[in-house]
Every structure is written in structure tokens, then in C-alpha cells.
Amino acid sequence: MGGLSRMGLIEALGHWPGALWLQRSGTAYLFVNAAHILGIGLLVGAILPLDLRLAGLLRGAAPLAVLGPFLVRAAGFGLALALATGAWLFTVKPAEYAANPALLAKLSLLALALANIVFQHRGGKLAEALATQRPSWRVRVSALASFTLWLCVLVAGRWIGFV
């Protein structure tokens, strides 16, 4: 990394202009934090019903071919917003957050949830399940894993402020 240590990089994040803006402006911090919560709400609010429908636990809902693509896009937008704003919020107190075990747990769970997304979309398994209305057992298991992982990411994120 050109002589910059990991801790040096983490400390440098706290001096990034975007971080300084959030550190100095309660209003800016409020809006970025609200955007982070909005992203989480979109992600969880879209992915949990889809996961339940794919797992076969939510019956009587709209057909997967209708419901699925919309929920996948909404969850994707929420995920992008939550990741961008979460990374930005990290820069407010990077050294403190980097040492927070709750954040480390959240990041580990987030990595698993993201890997599950890759698994679910790999080979067109999800697209096939949405089109045929018959999710395979792999899609069902992955949906249950997604449901569980995203709830755990949510709880770990709330835990950060209590550690």
C-alpha cells in the first residue's frame, strides 16, 4: 500500500473531506444517517417478503414473476444506498468503529449475505424460480439463509451503538 499501514489508512479516512463535513455538521450527519436507515428499510422491506415467498412460507401473494423483479430491484437499490452511506458514516470515527466488535460482526454477516446473493443469482437459479413459480430446494434454502442473514446484519448494526 505504498507505505501506508492499515491503521494509517483508517485514520486517514477520518480526515477525508466527506468525513470532516459529517463530523462538523450535525445536519449533514442527520441526513446521511437517515439515508442509511432508508437504504436498510428498502433492503429489508423488499428482501424479507421475497425470501419468505421463495421459501414457500408466504402463500397467496402475487405471482413470483410479478413480485420478484420489483422486489429484487428495490432490495438492490436499498443495498447500494445502505452500503454507500454506511461506508461514509464509518469515516466519522474510523479508528473507534474499526475496533468495535459489533461492527466486525456486522461486516462478517454482511459478507455472508452478499455471498448468498451471488450464489442465489449464479447460473440463473433465481430468474428461473421467478419465471416458473417453482423455486428449487437450493433457491428455498438460499432464501431462508438470506432471511436469516439480513435480520442478523440488522441486529448487529443496531448493536454497534451499544458496544
C-alpha atoms as a PDB file:
ATOM      1  CA  MET A   1       0.000   0.000   0.000  1.00  0.00           C
ATOM      2  CA  GLY A   2       2.848   2.375  -0.648  1.00  0.00           C
ATOM      3  CA  GLY A   3       3.990   2.592   2.966  1.00  0.00           C
ATOM      4  CA  LEU A   4       0.554   3.394   4.380  1.00  0.00           C
ATOM      5  CA  SER A   5      -0.300   0.994   7.178  1.00  0.00           C
ATOM      6  CA  ARG A   6      -3.793  -0.334   7.766  1.00  0.00           C
ATOM      7  CA  MET A   7      -4.206   1.889  10.831  1.00  0.00           C
ATOM      8  CA  GLY A   8      -2.778   4.829   8.901  1.00  0.00           C
ATOM      9  CA  LEU A   9      -5.359   4.269   6.183  1.00  0.00           C
ATOM     10  CA  ILE A  10      -8.145   4.006   8.756  1.00  0.00           C
ATOM     11  CA  GLU A  11      -7.001   7.242  10.416  1.00  0.00           C
ATOM     12  CA  ALA A  12      -6.745   8.946   7.008  1.00  0.00           C
ATOM     13  CA  LEU A  13     -10.400   8.128   6.360  1.00  0.00           C
ATOM     14  CA  GLY A  14     -11.317  10.358   9.286  1.00  0.00           C
ATOM     15  CA  HIS A  15      -9.648  13.298   7.519  1.00  0.00           C
ATOM     16  CA  TRP A  16     -11.387  12.787   4.196  1.00  0.00           C
ATOM     17  CA  PRO A  17     -13.425  15.918   3.293  1.00  0.00           C
ATOM     18  CA  GLY A  18     -16.694  13.970   3.417  1.00  0.00           C
ATOM     19  CA  ALA A  19     -15.844  12.705   6.896  1.00  0.00           C
ATOM     20  CA  LEU A  20     -14.901  16.171   8.094  1.00  0.00           C
ATOM     21  CA  TRP A  21     -18.195  17.510   6.783  1.00  0.00           C
ATOM     22  CA  LEU A  22     -20.151  14.917   8.759  1.00  0.00           C
ATOM     23  CA  GLN A  23     -18.014  15.482  11.857  1.00  0.00           C
ATOM     24  CA  ARG A  24     -18.652  19.242  11.749  1.00  0.00           C
ATOM     25  CA  SER A  25     -22.279  19.342  10.642  1.00  0.00           C
ATOM     26  CA  GLY A  26     -24.991  17.742  12.711  1.00  0.00           C
ATOM     27  CA  THR A  27     -27.418  18.397   9.860  1.00  0.00           C
ATOM     28  CA  ALA A  28     -25.240  16.631   7.285  1.00  0.00           C
ATOM     29  CA  TYR A  29     -24.771  13.687   9.654  1.00  0.00           C
ATOM     30  CA  LEU A  30     -28.530  13.565  10.252  1.00  0.00           C
ATOM     31  CA  PHE A  31     -29.293  13.341   6.524  1.00  0.00           C
ATOM     32  CA  VAL A  32     -26.611  10.745   5.752  1.00  0.00           C
ATOM     33  CA  ASN A  33     -27.740   8.672   8.735  1.00  0.00           C
ATOM     34  CA  ALA A  34     -31.375   8.977   7.605  1.00  0.00           C
ATOM     35  CA  ALA A  35     -30.354   7.878   4.094  1.00  0.00           C
ATOM     36  CA  HIS A  36     -28.606   4.866   5.644  1.00  0.00           C
ATOM     37  CA  ILE A  37     -31.768   3.935   7.527  1.00  0.00           C
ATOM     38  CA  LEU A  38     -33.813   4.419   4.341  1.00  0.00           C
ATOM     39  CA  GLY A  39     -31.455   2.073   2.484  1.00  0.00           C
ATOM     40  CA  ILE A  40     -31.769  -0.541   5.212  1.00  0.00           C
ATOM     41  CA  GLY A  41     -35.549  -0.165   5.198  1.00  0.00           C
ATOM     42  CA  LEU A  42     -35.735  -0.618   1.430  1.00  0.00           C
ATOM     43  CA  LEU A  43     -33.405  -3.612   1.533  1.00  0.00           C
ATOM     44  CA  VAL A  44     -35.041  -5.433   4.414  1.00  0.00           C
ATOM     45  CA  GLY A  45     -38.563  -4.381   3.449  1.00  0.00           C
ATOM     46  CA  ALA A  46     -38.111  -5.832  -0.026  1.00  0.00           C
ATOM     47  CA  ILE A  47     -35.916  -8.859   0.572  1.00  0.00           C
ATOM     48  CA  LEU A  48     -37.725 -10.406   3.546  1.00  0.00           C
ATOM     49  CA  PRO A  49     -41.104 -10.823   1.799  1.00  0.00           C
ATOM     50  CA  LEU A  50     -39.349 -12.136  -1.311  1.00  0.00           C
ATOM     51  CA  ASP A  51     -37.348 -14.609   0.771  1.00  0.00           C
ATOM     52  CA  LEU A  52     -40.494 -15.812   2.534  1.00  0.00           C
ATOM     53  CA  ARG A  53     -42.283 -16.198  -0.811  1.00  0.00           C
ATOM     54  CA  LEU A  54     -39.344 -18.081  -2.349  1.00  0.00           C
ATOM     55  CA  ALA A  55     -39.095 -20.340   0.704  1.00  0.00           C
ATOM     56  CA  GLY A  56     -42.765 -21.203   0.342  1.00  0.00           C
ATOM     57  CA  LEU A  57     -43.716 -19.624   3.676  1.00  0.00           C
ATOM     58  CA  LEU A  58     -45.764 -16.734   2.271  1.00  0.00           C
ATOM     59  CA  ARG A  59     -48.687 -18.108   0.318  1.00  0.00           C
ATOM     60  CA  GLY A  60     -51.381 -16.191  -1.506  1.00  0.00           C
ATOM     61  CA  ALA A  61     -49.072 -13.360  -2.511  1.00  0.00           C
ATOM     62  CA  ALA A  62     -48.764 -12.080  -6.048  1.00  0.00           C
ATOM     63  CA  PRO A  63     -47.049 -14.427  -8.507  1.00  0.00           C
ATOM     64  CA  LEU A  64     -43.263 -14.533  -8.248  1.00  0.00           C
ATOM     65  CA  ALA A  65     -42.951 -13.425 -11.871  1.00  0.00           C
ATOM     66  CA  VAL A  66     -44.739 -10.181 -10.942  1.00  0.00           C
ATOM     67  CA  LEU A  67     -43.484  -9.658  -7.405  1.00  0.00           C
ATOM     68  CA  GLY A  68     -39.888 -10.871  -7.753  1.00  0.00           C
ATOM     69  CA  PRO A  69     -38.301  -8.473 -10.240  1.00  0.00           C
ATOM     70  CA  PHE A  70     -39.696  -5.410  -8.454  1.00  0.00           C
ATOM     71  CA  LEU A  71     -38.572  -6.620  -5.016  1.00  0.00           C
ATOM     72  CA  VAL A  72     -35.117  -7.590  -6.308  1.00  0.00           C
ATOM     73  CA  ARG A  73     -34.635  -4.078  -7.783  1.00  0.00           C
ATOM     74  CA  ALA A  74     -35.935  -2.380  -4.621  1.00  0.00           C
ATOM     75  CA  ALA A  75     -33.628  -4.504  -2.448  1.00  0.00           C
ATOM     76  CA  GLY A  76     -30.694  -3.788  -4.767  1.00  0.00           C
ATOM     77  CA  PHE A  77     -31.287  -0.048  -4.571  1.00  0.00           C
ATOM     78  CA  GLY A  78     -31.610  -0.257  -0.782  1.00  0.00           C
ATOM     79  CA  LEU A  79     -28.414  -2.294  -0.553  1.00  0.00           C
ATOM     80  CA  ALA A  80     -26.461   0.200  -2.679  1.00  0.00           C
ATOM     81  CA  LEU A  81     -27.738   3.119  -0.596  1.00  0.00           C
ATOM     82  CA  ALA A  82     -27.022   1.352   2.708  1.00  0.00           C
ATOM     83  CA  LEU A  83     -23.505   0.332   1.637  1.00  0.00           C
ATOM     84  CA  ALA A  84     -22.581   3.810   0.376  1.00  0.00           C
ATOM     85  CA  THR A  85     -23.945   5.662   3.385  1.00  0.00           C
ATOM     86  CA  GLY A  86     -22.642   3.049   5.835  1.00  0.00           C
ATOM     87  CA  ALA A  87     -19.138   3.428   4.448  1.00  0.00           C
ATOM     88  CA  TRP A  88     -19.483   7.196   4.693  1.00  0.00           C
ATOM     89  CA  LEU A  89     -20.719   7.026   8.303  1.00  0.00           C
ATOM     90  CA  PHE A  90     -17.740   4.781   9.144  1.00  0.00           C
ATOM     91  CA  THR A  91     -15.403   7.652   8.252  1.00  0.00           C
ATOM     92  CA  VAL A  92     -16.761   9.804  11.108  1.00  0.00           C
ATOM     93  CA  LYS A  93     -14.917   7.707  13.746  1.00  0.00           C
ATOM     94  CA  PRO A  94     -12.954   5.150  11.735  1.00  0.00           C
ATOM     95  CA  ALA A  95     -10.495   4.012  14.428  1.00  0.00           C
ATOM     96  CA  GLU A  96     -13.258   3.614  17.007  1.00  0.00           C
ATOM     97  CA  TYR A  97     -15.523   1.735  14.598  1.00  0.00           C
ATOM     98  CA  ALA A  98     -12.687  -0.493  13.332  1.00  0.00           C
ATOM     99  CA  ALA A  99     -12.173  -1.702  16.919  1.00  0.00           C
ATOM    100  CA  ASN A 100     -15.892  -2.246  17.572  1.00  0.00           C
ATOM    101  CA  PRO A 101     -16.673  -5.987  17.766  1.00  0.00           C
ATOM    102  CA  ALA A 102     -20.282  -5.354  16.762  1.00  0.00           C
ATOM    103  CA  LEU A 103     -19.163  -3.676  13.529  1.00  0.00           C
ATOM    104  CA  LEU A 104     -16.785  -6.542  12.829  1.00  0.00           C
ATOM    105  CA  ALA A 105     -19.654  -8.998  13.382  1.00  0.00           C
ATOM    106  CA  LYS A 106     -21.905  -6.934  11.111  1.00  0.00           C
ATOM    107  CA  LEU A 107     -19.277  -6.847   8.365  1.00  0.00           C
ATOM    108  CA  SER A 108     -18.776 -10.617   8.610  1.00  0.00           C
ATOM    109  CA  LEU A 109     -22.519 -11.227   8.399  1.00  0.00           C
ATOM    110  CA  LEU A 110     -22.778  -8.730   5.556  1.00  0.00           C
ATOM    111  CA  ALA A 111     -20.067 -10.599   3.643  1.00  0.00           C
ATOM    112  CA  LEU A 112     -22.028 -13.840   4.084  1.00  0.00           C
ATOM    113  CA  ALA A 113     -25.263 -12.161   2.967  1.00  0.00           C
ATOM    114  CA  LEU A 114     -23.530 -10.749  -0.125  1.00  0.00           C
ATOM    115  CA  ALA A 115     -22.029 -14.163  -0.924  1.00  0.00           C
ATOM    116  CA  ASN A 116     -25.519 -15.631  -0.633  1.00  0.00           C
ATOM    117  CA  ILE A 117     -26.767 -13.066  -3.181  1.00  0.00           C
ATOM    118  CA  VAL A 118     -24.048 -14.185  -5.604  1.00  0.00           C
ATOM    119  CA  PHE A 119     -24.974 -17.834  -5.002  1.00  0.00           C
ATOM    120  CA  GLN A 120     -28.680 -17.117  -5.470  1.00  0.00           C
ATOM    121  CA  HIS A 121     -28.183 -15.265  -8.760  1.00  0.00           C
ATOM    122  CA  ARG A 122     -25.414 -17.534 -10.141  1.00  0.00           C
ATOM    123  CA  GLY A 123     -26.497 -19.729 -13.004  1.00  0.00           C
ATOM    124  CA  GLY A 124     -29.888 -18.069 -13.317  1.00  0.00           C
ATOM    125  CA  LYS A 125     -31.407 -20.047 -10.425  1.00  0.00           C
ATOM    126  CA  LEU A 126     -33.356 -17.079  -9.091  1.00  0.00           C
ATOM    127  CA  ALA A 127     -34.527 -15.939 -12.529  1.00  0.00           C
ATOM    128  CA  GLU A 128     -35.740 -19.466 -13.257  1.00  0.00           C
ATOM    129  CA  ALA A 129     -37.597 -19.650  -9.940  1.00  0.00           C
ATOM    130  CA  LEU A 130     -39.292 -16.320 -10.636  1.00  0.00           C
ATOM    131  CA  ALA A 131     -40.290 -17.362 -14.142  1.00  0.00           C
ATOM    132  CA  THR A 132     -41.501 -20.884 -13.351  1.00  0.00           C
ATOM    133  CA  GLN A 133     -43.090 -20.163  -9.961  1.00  0.00           C
ATOM    134  CA  ARG A 134     -41.314 -23.297  -8.691  1.00  0.00           C
ATOM    135  CA  PRO A 135     -38.220 -22.491  -6.647  1.00  0.00           C
ATOM    136  CA  SER A 136     -35.793 -25.389  -6.373  1.00  0.00           C
ATOM    137  CA  TRP A 137     -34.738 -26.635  -2.946  1.00  0.00           C
ATOM    138  CA  ARG A 138     -31.471 -24.695  -3.397  1.00  0.00           C
ATOM    139  CA  VAL A 139     -33.361 -21.457  -4.002  1.00  0.00           C
ATOM    140  CA  ARG A 140     -35.563 -22.174  -0.969  1.00  0.00           C
ATOM    141  CA  VAL A 141     -32.562 -22.845   1.287  1.00  0.00           C
ATOM    142  CA  SER A 142     -30.773 -19.763  -0.034  1.00  0.00           C
ATOM    143  CA  ALA A 143     -33.910 -17.680   0.603  1.00  0.00           C
ATOM    144  CA  LEU A 144     -34.058 -18.904   4.211  1.00  0.00           C
ATOM    145  CA  ALA A 145     -30.347 -18.142   4.605  1.00  0.00           C
ATOM    146  CA  SER A 146     -30.932 -14.665   3.135  1.00  0.00           C
ATOM    147  CA  PHE A 147     -33.835 -14.012   5.502  1.00  0.00           C
ATOM    148  CA  THR A 148     -31.749 -15.066   8.499  1.00  0.00           C
ATOM    149  CA  LEU A 149     -28.574 -13.265   7.436  1.00  0.00           C
ATOM    150  CA  TRP A 150     -30.260  -9.927   6.716  1.00  0.00           C
ATOM    151  CA  LEU A 151     -32.027  -9.988  10.080  1.00  0.00           C
ATOM    152  CA  CYS A 152     -28.691 -10.756  11.758  1.00  0.00           C
ATOM    153  CA  VAL A 153     -26.997  -7.897   9.852  1.00  0.00           C
ATOM    154  CA  LEU A 154     -29.779  -5.598  11.032  1.00  0.00           C
ATOM    155  CA  VAL A 155     -29.379  -6.638  14.686  1.00  0.00           C
ATOM    156  CA  ALA A 156     -25.582  -6.410  14.513  1.00  0.00           C
ATOM    157  CA  GLY A 157     -25.919  -2.913  13.064  1.00  0.00           C
ATOM    158  CA  ARG A 158     -28.064  -1.826  15.988  1.00  0.00           C
ATOM    159  CA  TRP A 159     -25.573  -3.466  18.359  1.00  0.00           C
ATOM    160  CA  ILE A 160     -22.796  -1.130  17.157  1.00  0.00           C
ATOM    161  CA  GLY A 161     -24.139   1.777  19.164  1.00  0.00           C
ATOM    162  CA  PHE A 162     -24.283  -0.274  22.372  1.00  0.00           C
ATOM    163  CA  VAL A 163     -20.690  -1.531  22.398  1.00  0.00           C
END
